[in-house]
Amino acid sequence: MTSETFTACDGLHFGYRPAQGAAPVLVFGNSLGTDLRVWDRVIARLPADWGILRHDKRGHGLSVARTGLSIETMADDVEMLLDHLNIARFVGVGLSVGGLILQRLALRRSDAMPHLVLSDTAAKIGSPEIWNPRIAAVLDQGIASISDAILSRWFAPGYAATPDFQMWRMMLERTPAQGYADVCAAIRDADYTDDLARITAKTLVVVGSDDASTPPALVRAMADRIPGAAFAEIADAGHLPCVEQPDAFVSLLKQHLA
């Protein structure tokens, strides 16, 4: 089976395909300002028998927004999907804020998640001095008012000249301002540094070498706190190596699961 079924559960839009036989199920978490399509290029390169679960965060894509959003409530949403689909064992793959969410699931469902991949993320990302002005700008003037600055941090130099760059701009700018701001606040308020040492999953940490949002030094520092974690930089990639360098990303993923 190579196709996913897309539907909604309690207002949460998700795509799912079951694994065939003993193949793994991969549960993906997206970055701020993107929807589940950010993983398209990775999924296209995975074996057809692997299971897939990906979803749109609250206030992003086709998912219904909710008040009181936090990393914990977004982790609740993923657990709801896991239970709804009877997924008892899975590999967590989290990008940016999706990595924060998967860090929580690595502790909540440690027996169910033997492998974890954290991409371009950290246990604490930014500070109120960074997030509060961004939230204010988005709510007052819209995401387009700061999209150039965001996109310059998402991608490696030169990517803006590629034919599909404007597609990612549209994905970002069409994210609802309130939904974007709510997730910004959730990231601002999260600090899971002290919990990293409790992660027992076999963990791979990757980062784009040109990531200006979560720089390699920050991501490596997180990896150093996770027992036994492997760390890899992906060349010629910014904050979204799954978009810019999907071959390299999938190669590392397959090696990790071998």
C-alpha atoms as a PDB file:
ATOM      1  CA  MET A   1       0.000   0.000   0.000  1.00  0.00           C
ATOM      2  CA  THR A   2       1.501   3.328  -1.045  1.00  0.00           C
ATOM      3  CA  SER A   3      -1.405   5.727  -0.525  1.00  0.00           C
ATOM      4  CA  GLU A   4      -2.476   7.522   2.632  1.00  0.00           C
ATOM      5  CA  THR A   5      -6.024   8.048   3.807  1.00  0.00           C
ATOM      6  CA  PHE A   6      -6.714  11.632   4.869  1.00  0.00           C
ATOM      7  CA  THR A   7      -9.480  12.431   7.321  1.00  0.00           C
ATOM      8  CA  ALA A   8     -10.087  14.202  10.640  1.00  0.00           C
ATOM      9  CA  CYS A   9     -10.433  13.155  14.259  1.00  0.00           C
ATOM     10  CA  ASP A  10     -11.798  15.673  16.760  1.00  0.00           C
ATOM     11  CA  GLY A  11     -10.963  18.433  14.286  1.00  0.00           C
ATOM     12  CA  LEU A  12      -7.396  17.232  13.730  1.00  0.00           C
ATOM     13  CA  HIS A  13      -6.528  16.640  10.068  1.00  0.00           C
ATOM     14  CA  PHE A  14      -4.227  13.677   9.491  1.00  0.00           C
ATOM     15  CA  GLY A  15      -2.978  11.239   6.903  1.00  0.00           C
ATOM     16  CA  TYR A  16      -2.402   7.577   7.672  1.00  0.00           C
ATOM     17  CA  ARG A  17      -1.333   4.393   5.974  1.00  0.00           C
ATOM     18  CA  PRO A  18      -0.817   1.187   7.942  1.00  0.00           C
ATOM     19  CA  ALA A  19       2.443  -0.731   7.864  1.00  0.00           C
ATOM     20  CA  GLN A  20       2.590  -3.972   5.944  1.00  0.00           C
ATOM     21  CA  GLY A  21       3.830  -6.968   7.920  1.00  0.00           C
ATOM     22  CA  ALA A  22       6.685  -6.154  10.289  1.00  0.00           C
ATOM     23  CA  ALA A  23       7.523  -2.792   8.697  1.00  0.00           C
ATOM     24  CA  PRO A  24       7.771   0.197  11.045  1.00  0.00           C
ATOM     25  CA  VAL A  25       5.163   2.926  11.527  1.00  0.00           C
ATOM     26  CA  LEU A  26       6.636   6.430  11.412  1.00  0.00           C
ATOM     27  CA  VAL A  27       4.868   9.256  13.269  1.00  0.00           C
ATOM     28  CA  PHE A  28       5.849  12.701  11.964  1.00  0.00           C
ATOM     29  CA  GLY A  29       5.697  16.087  13.684  1.00  0.00           C
ATOM     30  CA  ASN A  30       5.867  19.267  11.570  1.00  0.00           C
ATOM     31  CA  SER A  31       7.578  22.604  12.033  1.00  0.00           C
ATOM     32  CA  LEU A  32       6.020  25.995  12.787  1.00  0.00           C
ATOM     33  CA  GLY A  33       4.312  27.536   9.764  1.00  0.00           C
ATOM     34  CA  THR A  34       4.113  24.297   7.771  1.00  0.00           C
ATOM     35  CA  ASP A  35       1.549  21.553   7.341  1.00  0.00           C
ATOM     36  CA  LEU A  36       1.914  17.805   6.845  1.00  0.00           C
ATOM     37  CA  ARG A  37       3.086  18.330   3.244  1.00  0.00           C
ATOM     38  CA  VAL A  38       6.509  19.332   4.560  1.00  0.00           C
ATOM     39  CA  TRP A  39       7.225  15.566   4.676  1.00  0.00           C
ATOM     40  CA  ASP A  40       6.120  14.774   1.105  1.00  0.00           C
ATOM     41  CA  ARG A  41       9.633  14.356  -0.288  1.00  0.00           C
ATOM     42  CA  VAL A  42      10.723  12.118   2.564  1.00  0.00           C
ATOM     43  CA  ILE A  43       7.665   9.885   2.342  1.00  0.00           C
ATOM     44  CA  ALA A  44       8.076   9.536  -1.421  1.00  0.00           C
ATOM     45  CA  ARG A  45      11.498   7.974  -0.748  1.00  0.00           C
ATOM     46  CA  LEU A  46      10.425   5.529   1.978  1.00  0.00           C
ATOM     47  CA  PRO A  47       9.666   1.843   1.335  1.00  0.00           C
ATOM     48  CA  ALA A  48       6.057   1.351   0.250  1.00  0.00           C
ATOM     49  CA  ASP A  49       5.364  -1.083   3.102  1.00  0.00           C
ATOM     50  CA  TRP A  50       6.316   1.370   5.866  1.00  0.00           C
ATOM     51  CA  GLY A  51       3.445   2.860   7.846  1.00  0.00           C
ATOM     52  CA  ILE A  52       2.916   6.630   7.959  1.00  0.00           C
ATOM     53  CA  LEU A  53       1.082   8.941  10.349  1.00  0.00           C
ATOM     54  CA  ARG A  54       1.339  12.678   9.874  1.00  0.00           C
ATOM     55  CA  HIS A  55      -0.991  15.479  10.868  1.00  0.00           C
ATOM     56  CA  ASP A  56      -1.560  19.232  10.860  1.00  0.00           C
ATOM     57  CA  LYS A  57      -0.991  20.912  14.196  1.00  0.00           C
ATOM     58  CA  ARG A  58      -3.820  22.940  15.696  1.00  0.00           C
ATOM     59  CA  GLY A  59      -4.184  26.233  13.847  1.00  0.00           C
ATOM     60  CA  HIS A  60      -2.193  24.925  10.866  1.00  0.00           C
ATOM     61  CA  GLY A  61      -3.220  23.324   7.585  1.00  0.00           C
ATOM     62  CA  LEU A  62      -6.720  21.873   7.793  1.00  0.00           C
ATOM     63  CA  SER A  63      -6.813  21.313  11.563  1.00  0.00           C
ATOM     64  CA  VAL A  64      -9.234  23.151  13.816  1.00  0.00           C
ATOM     65  CA  ALA A  65      -7.626  25.606  16.222  1.00  0.00           C
ATOM     66  CA  ARG A  66      -8.106  25.308  19.978  1.00  0.00           C
ATOM     67  CA  THR A  67      -7.570  27.672  22.897  1.00  0.00           C
ATOM     68  CA  GLY A  68      -5.028  26.830  25.577  1.00  0.00           C
ATOM     69  CA  LEU A  69      -2.489  25.452  23.119  1.00  0.00           C
ATOM     70  CA  SER A  70       0.808  24.142  24.474  1.00  0.00           C
ATOM     71  CA  ILE A  71       3.399  21.538  23.600  1.00  0.00           C
ATOM     72  CA  GLU A  72       1.630  19.243  26.044  1.00  0.00           C
ATOM     73  CA  THR A  73      -1.794  19.659  24.406  1.00  0.00           C
ATOM     74  CA  MET A  74      -0.249  19.097  20.971  1.00  0.00           C
ATOM     75  CA  ALA A  75       1.294  15.904  22.330  1.00  0.00           C
ATOM     76  CA  ASP A  76      -2.206  15.001  23.590  1.00  0.00           C
ATOM     77  CA  ASP A  77      -3.443  15.334  19.999  1.00  0.00           C
ATOM     78  CA  VAL A  78      -0.852  12.875  18.723  1.00  0.00           C
ATOM     79  CA  GLU A  79      -1.715  10.418  21.487  1.00  0.00           C
ATOM     80  CA  MET A  80      -5.374  10.704  20.500  1.00  0.00           C
ATOM     81  CA  LEU A  81      -4.445   9.688  16.956  1.00  0.00           C
ATOM     82  CA  LEU A  82      -2.248   6.831  18.171  1.00  0.00           C
ATOM     83  CA  ASP A  83      -5.124   5.453  20.228  1.00  0.00           C
ATOM     84  CA  HIS A  84      -7.674   6.075  17.469  1.00  0.00           C
ATOM     85  CA  LEU A  85      -5.557   4.101  14.996  1.00  0.00           C
ATOM     86  CA  ASN A  86      -4.464   1.428  17.512  1.00  0.00           C
ATOM     87  CA  ILE A  87      -0.778   2.181  16.939  1.00  0.00           C
ATOM     88  CA  ALA A  88       1.080   0.373  19.703  1.00  0.00           C
ATOM     89  CA  ARG A  89       4.653   0.779  18.404  1.00  0.00           C
ATOM     90  CA  PHE A  90       6.138   3.544  16.301  1.00  0.00           C
ATOM     91  CA  VAL A  91       9.174   5.599  15.330  1.00  0.00           C
ATOM     92  CA  GLY A  92       8.933   9.282  16.215  1.00  0.00           C
ATOM     93  CA  VAL A  93      10.231  11.812  13.670  1.00  0.00           C
ATOM     94  CA  GLY A  94       9.962  15.427  14.788  1.00  0.00           C
ATOM     95  CA  LEU A  95      11.010  18.639  13.028  1.00  0.00           C
ATOM     96  CA  SER A  96      11.458  21.869  15.010  1.00  0.00           C
ATOM     97  CA  VAL A  97       8.331  22.276  17.210  1.00  0.00           C
ATOM     98  CA  GLY A  98       7.432  18.768  16.057  1.00  0.00           C
ATOM     99  CA  GLY A  99      10.644  17.713  17.758  1.00  0.00           C
ATOM    100  CA  LEU A 100       9.468  19.252  21.018  1.00  0.00           C
ATOM    101  CA  ILE A 101       6.227  17.296  20.711  1.00  0.00           C
ATOM    102  CA  LEU A 102       8.064  14.029  19.991  1.00  0.00           C
ATOM    103  CA  GLN A 103      10.350  14.627  22.978  1.00  0.00           C
ATOM    104  CA  ARG A 104       7.234  14.550  25.151  1.00  0.00           C
ATOM    105  CA  LEU A 105       5.952  11.377  23.514  1.00  0.00           C
ATOM    106  CA  ALA A 106       9.357   9.753  23.992  1.00  0.00           C
ATOM    107  CA  LEU A 107       8.712  10.019  27.733  1.00  0.00           C
ATOM    108  CA  ARG A 108       4.952   9.459  27.756  1.00  0.00           C
ATOM    109  CA  ARG A 109       5.160   6.344  25.568  1.00  0.00           C
ATOM    110  CA  SER A 110       8.713   5.180  26.044  1.00  0.00           C
ATOM    111  CA  ASP A 111       7.779   1.503  25.668  1.00  0.00           C
ATOM    112  CA  ALA A 112       6.003   2.204  22.372  1.00  0.00           C
ATOM    113  CA  MET A 113       8.734   4.351  20.767  1.00  0.00           C
ATOM    114  CA  PRO A 114      11.999   2.387  20.391  1.00  0.00           C
ATOM    115  CA  HIS A 115      13.473   4.880  17.894  1.00  0.00           C
ATOM    116  CA  LEU A 116      13.378   8.676  17.775  1.00  0.00           C
ATOM    117  CA  VAL A 117      14.589  11.148  15.148  1.00  0.00           C
ATOM    118  CA  LEU A 118      14.857  14.802  16.139  1.00  0.00           C
ATOM    119  CA  SER A 119      15.514  17.264  13.317  1.00  0.00           C
ATOM    120  CA  ASP A 120      16.450  20.911  13.674  1.00  0.00           C
ATOM    121  CA  THR A 121      15.030  21.246  17.152  1.00  0.00           C
ATOM    122  CA  ALA A 122      16.086  21.646  20.772  1.00  0.00           C
ATOM    123  CA  ALA A 123      14.731  21.207  24.280  1.00  0.00           C
ATOM    124  CA  LYS A 124      14.339  24.994  24.497  1.00  0.00           C
ATOM    125  CA  ILE A 125      14.030  27.101  21.359  1.00  0.00           C
ATOM    126  CA  GLY A 126      14.486  30.851  21.649  1.00  0.00           C
ATOM    127  CA  SER A 127      13.393  33.184  24.440  1.00  0.00           C
ATOM    128  CA  PRO A 128      10.484  35.527  25.193  1.00  0.00           C
ATOM    129  CA  GLU A 129      12.586  38.380  23.792  1.00  0.00           C
ATOM    130  CA  ILE A 130      12.513  36.614  20.422  1.00  0.00           C
ATOM    131  CA  TRP A 131       9.009  35.166  20.445  1.00  0.00           C
ATOM    132  CA  ASN A 132       6.962  38.018  21.904  1.00  0.00           C
ATOM    133  CA  PRO A 133       7.805  40.566  19.166  1.00  0.00           C
ATOM    134  CA  ARG A 134       7.139  37.910  16.511  1.00  0.00           C
ATOM    135  CA  ILE A 135       3.749  37.117  18.019  1.00  0.00           C
ATOM    136  CA  ALA A 136       2.862  40.813  18.190  1.00  0.00           C
ATOM    137  CA  ALA A 137       3.942  41.424  14.576  1.00  0.00           C
ATOM    138  CA  VAL A 138       1.971  38.458  13.232  1.00  0.00           C
ATOM    139  CA  LEU A 139      -1.219  39.369  15.097  1.00  0.00           C
ATOM    140  CA  ASP A 140      -0.950  43.043  14.179  1.00  0.00           C
ATOM    141  CA  GLN A 141       0.318  42.913  10.584  1.00  0.00           C
ATOM    142  CA  GLY A 142       0.023  39.294   9.440  1.00  0.00           C
ATOM    143  CA  ILE A 143       2.621  36.635   8.693  1.00  0.00           C
ATOM    144  CA  ALA A 144       3.510  38.171   5.318  1.00  0.00           C
ATOM    145  CA  SER A 145       4.980  41.156   7.181  1.00  0.00           C
ATOM    146  CA  ILE A 146       7.797  38.959   8.526  1.00  0.00           C
ATOM    147  CA  SER A 147       7.854  36.105   6.017  1.00  0.00           C
ATOM    148  CA  ASP A 148      11.075  37.246   4.310  1.00  0.00           C
ATOM    149  CA  ALA A 149      12.920  37.051   7.618  1.00  0.00           C
ATOM    150  CA  ILE A 150      11.442  33.646   8.439  1.00  0.00           C
ATOM    151  CA  LEU A 151      12.197  32.166   5.018  1.00  0.00           C
ATOM    152  CA  SER A 152      15.781  33.413   5.151  1.00  0.00           C
ATOM    153  CA  ARG A 153      16.224  31.262   8.255  1.00  0.00           C
ATOM    154  CA  TRP A 154      14.394  28.243   6.830  1.00  0.00           C
ATOM    155  CA  PHE A 155      16.594  27.625   3.807  1.00  0.00           C
ATOM    156  CA  ALA A 156      20.238  27.447   2.817  1.00  0.00           C
ATOM    157  CA  PRO A 157      21.674  30.250   0.630  1.00  0.00           C
ATOM    158  CA  GLY A 158      20.532  29.927  -2.956  1.00  0.00           C
ATOM    159  CA  TYR A 159      17.339  28.000  -2.322  1.00  0.00           C
ATOM    160  CA  ALA A 160      15.233  31.112  -2.905  1.00  0.00           C
ATOM    161  CA  ALA A 161      16.198  30.889  -6.584  1.00  0.00           C
ATOM    162  CA  THR A 162      14.666  27.418  -7.005  1.00  0.00           C
ATOM    163  CA  PRO A 163      11.301  27.006  -8.765  1.00  0.00           C
ATOM    164  CA  ASP A 164       9.464  25.728  -5.686  1.00  0.00           C
ATOM    165  CA  PHE A 165      10.589  28.396  -3.205  1.00  0.00           C
ATOM    166  CA  GLN A 166       7.368  30.383  -3.657  1.00  0.00           C
ATOM    167  CA  MET A 167       5.336  27.286  -2.765  1.00  0.00           C
ATOM    168  CA  TRP A 168       6.866  27.292   0.703  1.00  0.00           C
ATOM    169  CA  ARG A 169       6.297  31.020   1.006  1.00  0.00           C
ATOM    170  CA  MET A 170       2.603  30.460   0.278  1.00  0.00           C
ATOM    171  CA  MET A 171       2.405  27.633   2.830  1.00  0.00           C
ATOM    172  CA  LEU A 172       3.862  29.924   5.476  1.00  0.00           C
ATOM    173  CA  GLU A 173       1.868  33.038   4.629  1.00  0.00           C
ATOM    174  CA  ARG A 174      -1.443  31.166   4.406  1.00  0.00           C
ATOM    175  CA  THR A 175      -1.077  29.798   7.914  1.00  0.00           C
ATOM    176  CA  PRO A 176      -3.727  31.502  10.080  1.00  0.00           C
ATOM    177  CA  ALA A 177      -2.112  34.308  12.077  1.00  0.00           C
ATOM    178  CA  GLN A 178      -3.729  33.237  15.344  1.00  0.00           C
ATOM    179  CA  GLY A 179      -2.729  29.612  14.837  1.00  0.00           C
ATOM    180  CA  TYR A 180       0.849  30.626  14.103  1.00  0.00           C
ATOM    181  CA  ALA A 181       0.961  32.933  17.130  1.00  0.00           C
ATOM    182  CA  ASP A 182      -0.468  30.235  19.400  1.00  0.00           C
ATOM    183  CA  VAL A 183       2.261  27.779  18.421  1.00  0.00           C
ATOM    184  CA  CYS A 184       4.899  30.499  18.849  1.00  0.00           C
ATOM    185  CA  ALA A 185       3.673  30.965  22.419  1.00  0.00           C
ATOM    186  CA  ALA A 186       3.774  27.215  23.029  1.00  0.00           C
ATOM    187  CA  ILE A 187       7.397  27.078  21.888  1.00  0.00           C
ATOM    188  CA  ARG A 188       8.247  30.146  23.976  1.00  0.00           C
ATOM    189  CA  ASP A 189       6.878  28.537  27.130  1.00  0.00           C
ATOM    190  CA  ALA A 190       8.534  25.116  26.697  1.00  0.00           C
ATOM    191  CA  ASP A 191      11.814  24.059  28.269  1.00  0.00           C
ATOM    192  CA  TYR A 192      12.474  20.319  28.442  1.00  0.00           C
ATOM    193  CA  THR A 193      16.227  20.499  29.018  1.00  0.00           C
ATOM    194  CA  ASP A 194      16.076  18.606  32.296  1.00  0.00           C
ATOM    195  CA  ASP A 195      14.052  15.805  30.696  1.00  0.00           C
ATOM    196  CA  LEU A 196      16.508  14.955  27.913  1.00  0.00           C
ATOM    197  CA  ALA A 197      18.480  12.571  30.110  1.00  0.00           C
ATOM    198  CA  ARG A 198      15.318  10.486  30.636  1.00  0.00           C
ATOM    199  CA  ILE A 199      14.830   9.695  26.939  1.00  0.00           C
ATOM    200  CA  THR A 200      15.476   5.981  26.424  1.00  0.00           C
ATOM    201  CA  ALA A 201      14.663   5.658  22.718  1.00  0.00           C
ATOM    202  CA  LYS A 202      17.551   5.081  20.338  1.00  0.00           C
ATOM    203  CA  THR A 203      17.881   8.663  19.123  1.00  0.00           C
ATOM    204  CA  LEU A 204      19.230  10.268  15.971  1.00  0.00           C
ATOM    205  CA  VAL A 205      19.610  14.052  16.005  1.00  0.00           C
ATOM    206  CA  VAL A 206      20.087  15.838  12.678  1.00  0.00           C
ATOM    207  CA  VAL A 207      20.409  19.465  11.656  1.00  0.00           C
ATOM    208  CA  GLY A 208      20.913  21.407   8.458  1.00  0.00           C
ATOM    209  CA  SER A 209      24.386  22.903   8.363  1.00  0.00           C
ATOM    210  CA  ASP A 210      22.890  26.301   7.418  1.00  0.00           C
ATOM    211  CA  ASP A 211      20.027  26.275   9.917  1.00  0.00           C
ATOM    212  CA  ALA A 212      19.665  29.788  11.328  1.00  0.00           C
ATOM    213  CA  SER A 213      16.557  28.996  13.411  1.00  0.00           C
ATOM    214  CA  THR A 214      18.045  26.173  15.488  1.00  0.00           C
ATOM    215  CA  PRO A 215      21.770  26.411  14.714  1.00  0.00           C
ATOM    216  CA  PRO A 216      23.924  23.268  14.673  1.00  0.00           C
ATOM    217  CA  ALA A 217      25.615  24.149  17.973  1.00  0.00           C
ATOM    218  CA  LEU A 218      22.248  24.359  19.750  1.00  0.00           C
ATOM    219  CA  VAL A 219      21.030  21.091  18.250  1.00  0.00           C
ATOM    220  CA  ARG A 220      24.315  19.312  19.049  1.00  0.00           C
ATOM    221  CA  ALA A 221      24.064  20.501  22.668  1.00  0.00           C
ATOM    222  CA  MET A 222      20.654  18.820  22.880  1.00  0.00           C
ATOM    223  CA  ALA A 223      22.041  15.605  21.397  1.00  0.00           C
ATOM    224  CA  ASP A 224      24.825  15.587  23.964  1.00  0.00           C
ATOM    225  CA  ARG A 225      22.222  15.451  26.746  1.00  0.00           C
ATOM    226  CA  ILE A 226      20.318  12.453  25.315  1.00  0.00           C
ATOM    227  CA  PRO A 227      21.944   9.154  26.373  1.00  0.00           C
ATOM    228  CA  GLY A 228      23.617   7.464  23.419  1.00  0.00           C
ATOM    229  CA  ALA A 229      22.218   9.856  20.811  1.00  0.00           C
ATOM    230  CA  ALA A 230      23.869  10.056  17.387  1.00  0.00           C
ATOM    231  CA  PHE A 231      24.328  13.453  15.743  1.00  0.00           C
ATOM    232  CA  ALA A 232      24.638  14.374  12.058  1.00  0.00           C
ATOM    233  CA  GLU A 233      24.755  17.597  10.055  1.00  0.00           C
ATOM    234  CA  ILE A 234      23.178  17.678   6.603  1.00  0.00           C
ATOM    235  CA  ALA A 235      25.118  19.869   4.199  1.00  0.00           C
ATOM    236  CA  ASP A 236      23.462  22.514   2.032  1.00  0.00           C
ATOM    237  CA  ALA A 237      20.302  22.581   4.138  1.00  0.00           C
ATOM    238  CA  GLY A 238      18.719  25.078   6.483  1.00  0.00           C
ATOM    239  CA  HIS A 239      15.909  24.503   8.969  1.00  0.00           C
ATOM    240  CA  LEU A 240      14.020  22.090   6.677  1.00  0.00           C
ATOM    241  CA  PRO A 241      16.464  19.412   5.476  1.00  0.00           C
ATOM    242  CA  CYS A 242      13.489  17.150   4.732  1.00  0.00           C
ATOM    243  CA  VAL A 243      12.630  19.665   1.984  1.00  0.00           C
ATOM    244  CA  GLU A 244      16.073  20.698   0.750  1.00  0.00           C
ATOM    245  CA  GLN A 245      17.971  17.406   1.112  1.00  0.00           C
ATOM    246  CA  PRO A 246      15.420  14.571   1.335  1.00  0.00           C
ATOM    247  CA  ASP A 247      17.847  11.954  -0.010  1.00  0.00           C
ATOM    248  CA  ALA A 248      20.338  12.682   2.759  1.00  0.00           C
ATOM    249  CA  PHE A 249      17.574  12.797   5.354  1.00  0.00           C
ATOM    250  CA  VAL A 250      16.116   9.440   4.306  1.00  0.00           C
ATOM    251  CA  SER A 251      19.564   7.844   4.128  1.00  0.00           C
ATOM    252  CA  LEU A 252      20.244   8.809   7.747  1.00  0.00           C
ATOM    253  CA  LEU A 253      16.768   7.657   8.788  1.00  0.00           C
ATOM    254  CA  LYS A 254      17.189   4.226   7.182  1.00  0.00           C
ATOM    255  CA  GLN A 255      20.635   3.789   8.734  1.00  0.00           C
ATOM    256  CA  HIS A 256      19.168   4.675  12.122  1.00  0.00           C
ATOM    257  CA  LEU A 257      16.420   2.071  11.827  1.00  0.00           C
ATOM    258  CA  ALA A 258      18.614  -0.690  10.350  1.00  0.00           C
END
